[in-house]
Amino acid sequence: MVNKDQVSGVAKQVKGSVKEAVGKATGNRSTEARGKVEKAAGKVQKTYGDAKEKIKDAL
């Protein structure tokens, strides 16, 4: 089963990857950096969702 944190986390990772790629393509370091930060935040949120799901399955 997938929870909202897992979905939101993956969505943030994708959005961050797109921002990072656009930043690289345009030479805009600020956009690239924001993309990396958003991608990292997405990974954290997905990991939190994964942990939540494991706890739920264990109970």
C-alpha atoms as a PDB file:
ATOM      1  CA  MET A   1       0.000   0.000   0.000  1.00  0.00           C
ATOM      2  CA  VAL A   2       1.212   3.495  -0.766  1.00  0.00           C
ATOM      3  CA  ASN A   3       0.582   6.473   1.498  1.00  0.00           C
ATOM      4  CA  LYS A   4       0.419  10.185   0.695  1.00  0.00           C
ATOM      5  CA  ASP A   5       3.921  10.877   2.010  1.00  0.00           C
ATOM      6  CA  GLN A   6       5.399   8.356  -0.403  1.00  0.00           C
ATOM      7  CA  VAL A   7       3.514   9.863  -3.354  1.00  0.00           C
ATOM      8  CA  SER A   8       4.326  13.448  -2.375  1.00  0.00           C
ATOM      9  CA  GLY A   9       7.956  12.521  -1.850  1.00  0.00           C
ATOM     10  CA  VAL A  10       8.305  11.006  -5.306  1.00  0.00           C
ATOM     11  CA  ALA A  11       6.520  14.003  -6.839  1.00  0.00           C
ATOM     12  CA  LYS A  12       8.957  16.386  -5.116  1.00  0.00           C
ATOM     13  CA  GLN A  13      11.897  14.321  -6.330  1.00  0.00           C
ATOM     14  CA  VAL A  14      10.661  14.529  -9.918  1.00  0.00           C
ATOM     15  CA  LYS A  15       9.940  18.252  -9.661  1.00  0.00           C
ATOM     16  CA  GLY A  16      13.375  18.825  -8.143  1.00  0.00           C
ATOM     17  CA  SER A  17      15.058  16.823 -10.900  1.00  0.00           C
ATOM     18  CA  VAL A  18      13.305  18.906 -13.543  1.00  0.00           C
ATOM     19  CA  LYS A  19      14.328  22.158 -11.843  1.00  0.00           C
ATOM     20  CA  GLU A  20      17.886  20.924 -11.524  1.00  0.00           C
ATOM     21  CA  ALA A  21      18.024  19.979 -15.223  1.00  0.00           C
ATOM     22  CA  VAL A  22      16.553  23.326 -16.288  1.00  0.00           C
ATOM     23  CA  GLY A  23      19.073  25.122 -14.101  1.00  0.00           C
ATOM     24  CA  LYS A  24      21.942  23.166 -15.641  1.00  0.00           C
ATOM     25  CA  ALA A  25      20.656  23.718 -19.177  1.00  0.00           C
ATOM     26  CA  THR A  26      20.233  27.457 -18.716  1.00  0.00           C
ATOM     27  CA  GLY A  27      23.329  27.957 -16.572  1.00  0.00           C
ATOM     28  CA  ASN A  28      21.151  29.239 -13.723  1.00  0.00           C
ATOM     29  CA  ARG A  29      22.908  27.990 -10.594  1.00  0.00           C
ATOM     30  CA  SER A  30      20.157  29.245  -8.310  1.00  0.00           C
ATOM     31  CA  THR A  31      17.488  27.156 -10.048  1.00  0.00           C
ATOM     32  CA  GLU A  32      19.825  24.181 -10.125  1.00  0.00           C
ATOM     33  CA  ALA A  33      20.466  24.498  -6.377  1.00  0.00           C
ATOM     34  CA  ARG A  34      16.747  24.848  -5.608  1.00  0.00           C
ATOM     35  CA  GLY A  35      16.132  21.706  -7.638  1.00  0.00           C
ATOM     36  CA  LYS A  36      18.726  19.769  -5.659  1.00  0.00           C
ATOM     37  CA  VAL A  37      17.185  20.933  -2.379  1.00  0.00           C
ATOM     38  CA  GLU A  38      13.677  19.999  -3.508  1.00  0.00           C
ATOM     39  CA  LYS A  39      14.891  16.593  -4.692  1.00  0.00           C
ATOM     40  CA  ALA A  40      16.535  15.964  -1.300  1.00  0.00           C
ATOM     41  CA  ALA A  41      13.349  17.037   0.518  1.00  0.00           C
ATOM     42  CA  GLY A  42      11.395  14.587  -1.614  1.00  0.00           C
ATOM     43  CA  LYS A  43      13.743  11.760  -0.691  1.00  0.00           C
ATOM     44  CA  VAL A  44      13.313  12.564   3.000  1.00  0.00           C
ATOM     45  CA  GLN A  45       9.521  12.664   2.687  1.00  0.00           C
ATOM     46  CA  LYS A  46       9.427   9.364   0.778  1.00  0.00           C
ATOM     47  CA  THR A  47      11.673   7.727   3.364  1.00  0.00           C
ATOM     48  CA  TYR A  48       9.344   8.972   6.095  1.00  0.00           C
ATOM     49  CA  GLY A  49       6.373   7.526   4.185  1.00  0.00           C
ATOM     50  CA  ASP A  50       8.196   4.204   3.739  1.00  0.00           C
ATOM     51  CA  ALA A  51       8.907   4.027   7.469  1.00  0.00           C
ATOM     52  CA  LYS A  52       5.300   4.887   8.285  1.00  0.00           C
ATOM     53  CA  GLU A  53       4.128   2.099   5.989  1.00  0.00           C
ATOM     54  CA  LYS A  54       6.496  -0.455   7.537  1.00  0.00           C
ATOM     55  CA  ILE A  55       5.251   0.410  11.030  1.00  0.00           C
ATOM     56  CA  LYS A  56       1.651   0.159   9.863  1.00  0.00           C
ATOM     57  CA  ASP A  57       2.303  -3.249   8.278  1.00  0.00           C
ATOM     58  CA  ALA A  58       4.023  -4.500  11.426  1.00  0.00           C
ATOM     59  CA  LEU A  59       0.984  -3.726  13.580  1.00  0.00           C
END
